[in-house]
C-alpha atoms as a PDB file:
ATOM      1  CA  UNK A   1      -0.562   2.039 -28.458  1.00  0.00           C
ATOM      2  CA  UNK A   2      -0.873   2.179 -25.032  1.00  0.00           C
ATOM      3  CA  UNK A   3       2.647   2.751 -23.200  1.00  0.00           C
ATOM      4  CA  UNK A   4       3.969   3.705 -19.443  1.00  0.00           C
ATOM      5  CA  UNK A   5       6.841   6.133 -19.052  1.00  0.00           C
ATOM      6  CA  UNK A   6       8.767   7.085 -16.158  1.00  0.00           C
ATOM      7  CA  UNK A   7       9.889  10.432 -17.271  1.00  0.00           C
ATOM      8  CA  UNK A   8       7.904  13.684 -18.169  1.00  0.00           C
ATOM      9  CA  UNK A   9       5.201  12.293 -21.369  1.00  0.00           C
ATOM     10  CA  UNK A  10       5.749  13.779 -25.032  1.00  0.00           C
ATOM     11  CA  UNK A  11       2.558  15.170 -26.399  1.00  0.00           C
ATOM     12  CA  UNK A  12       1.744  13.746 -29.396  1.00  0.00           C
ATOM     13  CA  UNK A  13       3.480  16.577 -32.243  1.00  0.00           C
ATOM     14  CA  UNK A  14       1.561  16.464 -34.597  1.00  0.00           C
ATOM     15  CA  UNK A  15      -0.582  13.101 -36.934  1.00  0.00           C
ATOM     16  CA  UNK A  16       0.906  11.225 -39.821  1.00  0.00           C
ATOM     17  CA  UNK A  17       0.226  12.464 -43.264  1.00  0.00           C
ATOM     18  CA  UNK A  18      -2.151   9.281 -43.645  1.00  0.00           C
ATOM     19  CA  UNK A  19      -3.763   9.542 -41.383  1.00  0.00           C
ATOM     20  CA  UNK A  20      -4.541  13.472 -41.120  1.00  0.00           C
ATOM     21  CA  UNK A  21      -6.208  12.948 -44.436  1.00  0.00           C
ATOM     22  CA  UNK A  22      -8.661  10.988 -42.641  1.00  0.00           C
ATOM     23  CA  UNK A  23      -9.403  12.599 -39.877  1.00  0.00           C
ATOM     24  CA  UNK A  24     -12.237  15.571 -39.356  1.00  0.00           C
ATOM     25  CA  UNK A  25     -11.613  15.252 -35.137  1.00  0.00           C
ATOM     26  CA  UNK A  26      -9.206  14.736 -32.812  1.00  0.00           C
ATOM     27  CA  UNK A  27      -9.312  14.658 -28.798  1.00  0.00           C
ATOM     28  CA  UNK A  28      -6.911  14.915 -26.347  1.00  0.00           C
ATOM     29  CA  UNK A  29      -6.835  14.310 -22.930  1.00  0.00           C
ATOM     30  CA  UNK A  30      -4.466  15.255 -20.147  1.00  0.00           C
ATOM     31  CA  UNK A  31      -4.583  14.179 -16.482  1.00  0.00           C
ATOM     32  CA  UNK A  32      -2.604  16.446 -14.276  1.00  0.00           C
ATOM     33  CA  UNK A  33      -1.550  16.509 -10.865  1.00  0.00           C
ATOM     34  CA  UNK A  34      -3.843  18.780  -8.596  1.00  0.00           C
ATOM     35  CA  UNK A  35      -2.868  20.271  -4.854  1.00  0.00           C
ATOM     36  CA  UNK A  36      -5.826  19.122  -3.362  1.00  0.00           C
ATOM     37  CA  UNK A  37      -7.943  15.482  -3.423  1.00  0.00           C
ATOM     38  CA  UNK A  38     -10.472  14.744  -0.952  1.00  0.00           C
ATOM     39  CA  UNK A  39     -10.400  17.972   1.271  1.00  0.00           C
ATOM     40  CA  UNK A  40      -6.516  17.605   1.838  1.00  0.00           C
ATOM     41  CA  UNK A  41      -3.583  20.085   0.667  1.00  0.00           C
ATOM     42  CA  UNK A  42      -1.594  17.344  -2.083  1.00  0.00           C
ATOM     43  CA  UNK A  43       1.970  18.583  -2.439  1.00  0.00           C
ATOM     44  CA  UNK A  44       2.927  15.581  -4.943  1.00  0.00           C
ATOM     45  CA  UNK A  45       2.084  12.176  -6.062  1.00  0.00           C
ATOM     46  CA  UNK A  46       3.885   8.685  -7.050  1.00  0.00           C
ATOM     47  CA  UNK A  47       2.929   6.465  -9.187  1.00  0.00           C
ATOM     48  CA  UNK A  48       3.661   2.824  -9.357  1.00  0.00           C
ATOM     49  CA  UNK A  49       2.562  -0.012 -11.833  1.00  0.00           C
ATOM     50  CA  UNK A  50       3.330  -3.859 -12.781  1.00  0.00           C
ATOM     51  CA  UNK A  51       4.201  -3.278 -16.096  1.00  0.00           C
ATOM     52  CA  UNK A  52       4.205  -6.475 -17.376  1.00  0.00           C
ATOM     53  CA  UNK A  53       0.392  -6.725 -16.432  1.00  0.00           C
ATOM     54  CA  UNK A  54      -0.097  -2.863 -16.596  1.00  0.00           C
ATOM     55  CA  UNK A  55       1.110  -2.969 -20.291  1.00  0.00           C
ATOM     56  CA  UNK A  56      -0.899  -6.180 -21.471  1.00  0.00           C
ATOM     57  CA  UNK A  57      -4.117  -4.770 -20.016  1.00  0.00           C
ATOM     58  CA  UNK A  58      -3.850  -1.162 -21.371  1.00  0.00           C
ATOM     59  CA  UNK A  59      -2.819  -3.128 -24.927  1.00  0.00           C
ATOM     60  CA  UNK A  60      -6.389  -4.396 -24.769  1.00  0.00           C
ATOM     61  CA  UNK A  61      -7.929  -1.522 -23.841  1.00  0.00           C
ATOM     62  CA  UNK A  62      -6.699   0.019 -26.783  1.00  0.00           C
ATOM     63  CA  UNK A  63      -8.003  -3.006 -28.541  1.00  0.00           C
ATOM     64  CA  UNK A  64     -11.174  -2.395 -27.213  1.00  0.00           C
ATOM     65  CA  UNK A  65     -11.411   0.937 -28.019  1.00  0.00           C
ATOM     66  CA  UNK A  66     -10.422   0.133 -31.920  1.00  0.00           C
ATOM     67  CA  UNK A  67     -12.929  -2.005 -32.217  1.00  0.00           C
ATOM     68  CA  UNK A  68     -15.464  -0.586 -30.272  1.00  0.00           C
ATOM     69  CA  UNK A  69     -15.763   2.968 -31.502  1.00  0.00           C
ATOM     70  CA  UNK A  70     -15.092   4.288 -35.198  1.00  0.00           C
ATOM     71  CA  UNK A  71     -11.606   5.724 -34.466  1.00  0.00           C
ATOM     72  CA  UNK A  72      -8.644   5.872 -36.731  1.00  0.00           C
ATOM     73  CA  UNK A  73      -6.289   6.036 -33.924  1.00  0.00           C
ATOM     74  CA  UNK A  74      -5.252   6.070 -30.464  1.00  0.00           C
ATOM     75  CA  UNK A  75      -2.584   5.955 -27.685  1.00  0.00           C
ATOM     76  CA  UNK A  76      -2.267   5.948 -24.105  1.00  0.00           C
ATOM     77  CA  UNK A  77       0.237   6.996 -21.989  1.00  0.00           C
ATOM     78  CA  UNK A  78       0.444   6.770 -18.201  1.00  0.00           C
ATOM     79  CA  UNK A  79       3.009   8.037 -16.127  1.00  0.00           C
ATOM     80  CA  UNK A  80       5.161   6.284 -13.539  1.00  0.00           C
ATOM     81  CA  UNK A  81       7.062   7.594 -10.566  1.00  0.00           C
ATOM     82  CA  UNK A  82       7.477  10.934  -8.046  1.00  0.00           C
ATOM     83  CA  UNK A  83       5.367  13.681 -10.072  1.00  0.00           C
ATOM     84  CA  UNK A  84       4.968  17.204  -9.127  1.00  0.00           C
ATOM     85  CA  UNK A  85       1.518  19.433  -8.591  1.00  0.00           C
ATOM     86  CA  UNK A  86       0.812  20.369 -12.394  1.00  0.00           C
ATOM     87  CA  UNK A  87       2.984  17.444 -14.496  1.00  0.00           C
ATOM     88  CA  UNK A  88       0.453  15.431 -16.817  1.00  0.00           C
ATOM     89  CA  UNK A  89       0.259  11.791 -15.057  1.00  0.00           C
ATOM     90  CA  UNK A  90      -1.620  10.236 -18.305  1.00  0.00           C
ATOM     91  CA  UNK A  91      -2.484  11.110 -21.766  1.00  0.00           C
ATOM     92  CA  UNK A  92      -4.817   9.992 -23.984  1.00  0.00           C
ATOM     93  CA  UNK A  93      -5.577  11.059 -27.779  1.00  0.00           C
ATOM     94  CA  UNK A  94      -7.921   9.579 -30.018  1.00  0.00           C
ATOM     95  CA  UNK A  95      -8.912  10.877 -33.881  1.00  0.00           C
ATOM     96  CA  UNK A  96     -11.286   9.744 -36.023  1.00  0.00           C
ATOM     97  CA  UNK A  97     -13.331  10.894 -39.338  1.00  0.00           C
ATOM     98  CA  UNK A  98     -16.224  12.211 -36.728  1.00  0.00           C
ATOM     99  CA  UNK A  99     -15.186  13.919 -33.058  1.00  0.00           C
ATOM    100  CA  UNK A 100     -18.591  12.342 -31.378  1.00  0.00           C
ATOM    101  CA  UNK A 101     -16.320   8.664 -31.844  1.00  0.00           C
ATOM    102  CA  UNK A 102     -12.941  10.893 -30.798  1.00  0.00           C
ATOM    103  CA  UNK A 103     -15.038  11.808 -27.399  1.00  0.00           C
ATOM    104  CA  UNK A 104     -15.976   8.566 -26.405  1.00  0.00           C
ATOM    105  CA  UNK A 105     -13.163   6.518 -27.226  1.00  0.00           C
ATOM    106  CA  UNK A 106     -10.606   8.822 -25.449  1.00  0.00           C
ATOM    107  CA  UNK A 107     -13.309   8.634 -22.603  1.00  0.00           C
ATOM    108  CA  UNK A 108     -14.283   5.383 -22.990  1.00  0.00           C
ATOM    109  CA  UNK A 109      -9.605   4.946 -22.415  1.00  0.00           C
ATOM    110  CA  UNK A 110      -9.671   6.643 -19.287  1.00  0.00           C
ATOM    111  CA  UNK A 111     -12.286   5.365 -17.462  1.00  0.00           C
ATOM    112  CA  UNK A 112     -11.173   1.908 -18.386  1.00  0.00           C
ATOM    113  CA  UNK A 113      -7.537   2.468 -17.636  1.00  0.00           C
ATOM    114  CA  UNK A 114      -8.122   3.943 -14.424  1.00  0.00           C
ATOM    115  CA  UNK A 115     -10.869   1.174 -12.792  1.00  0.00           C
ATOM    116  CA  UNK A 116      -8.295  -1.788 -14.812  1.00  0.00           C
ATOM    117  CA  UNK A 117      -4.673  -0.955 -14.880  1.00  0.00           C
ATOM    118  CA  UNK A 118      -2.698  -2.445 -12.382  1.00  0.00           C
ATOM    119  CA  UNK A 119      -1.163   1.080 -11.239  1.00  0.00           C
ATOM    120  CA  UNK A 120      -0.770   2.853  -8.085  1.00  0.00           C
ATOM    121  CA  UNK A 121      -1.119   6.142  -6.528  1.00  0.00           C
ATOM    122  CA  UNK A 122       0.090   7.375  -2.912  1.00  0.00           C
ATOM    123  CA  UNK A 123      -0.330  10.877  -2.947  1.00  0.00           C
ATOM    124  CA  UNK A 124       1.848  12.750  -0.475  1.00  0.00           C
ATOM    125  CA  UNK A 125       0.437  15.349   2.174  1.00  0.00           C
ATOM    126  CA  UNK A 126       1.341  19.084   2.540  1.00  0.00           C
ATOM    127  CA  UNK A 127       0.704  18.152   6.360  1.00  0.00           C
ATOM    128  CA  UNK A 128       0.317  14.303   7.115  1.00  0.00           C
ATOM    129  CA  UNK A 129       1.770  11.252   5.929  1.00  0.00           C
ATOM    130  CA  UNK A 130       1.705   9.926   2.619  1.00  0.00           C
ATOM    131  CA  UNK A 131      -1.523   7.389   1.713  1.00  0.00           C
ATOM    132  CA  UNK A 132      -2.133   5.083  -1.014  1.00  0.00           C
ATOM    133  CA  UNK A 133      -4.831   6.186  -2.528  1.00  0.00           C
ATOM    134  CA  UNK A 134      -8.237   4.656  -4.361  1.00  0.00           C
ATOM    135  CA  UNK A 135     -10.544   5.773  -6.909  1.00  0.00           C
ATOM    136  CA  UNK A 136     -13.466   3.963  -5.991  1.00  0.00           C
ATOM    137  CA  UNK A 137     -16.250   5.755  -8.041  1.00  0.00           C
ATOM    138  CA  UNK A 138     -14.012   5.721 -11.182  1.00  0.00           C
ATOM    139  CA  UNK A 139     -16.424   3.693 -13.461  1.00  0.00           C
ATOM    140  CA  UNK A 140     -19.650   5.585 -11.957  1.00  0.00           C
ATOM    141  CA  UNK A 141     -18.350   8.968 -14.234  1.00  0.00           C
ATOM    142  CA  UNK A 142     -20.178  11.178 -10.899  1.00  0.00           C
ATOM    143  CA  UNK A 143     -16.926  12.693  -9.332  1.00  0.00           C
ATOM    144  CA  UNK A 144     -15.038  15.555  -9.919  1.00  0.00           C
END
């Protein structure tokens, strides 16, 4: 499941009974709004999405993850709108019989969402004008 929310993301509360009995590993990634990026003090972020296409591409990524990794279930939710420091911008969850598959699937999902889904980020700075930014290194796994 892939979703876009314009309100705070609800974390997965618990696994359903049928999933829980088969699950040996659950991995959750929470992408949070931080107060600094590329040396600039950030006061908030704004996300916009081309919803129709974002949902289609996001669903395709989730389908790929289910086929590529031995996982039981996976979910990804991305926020849109104006977010404050510390708020959750993206939530990825996966579960599997063995933890390694959940780790790999979760990383695959977040990396693919960041590089393929049409969601744009505007950073609002403490000093200076807001700027629309892109992560040109998202697919390289080398940045912090």
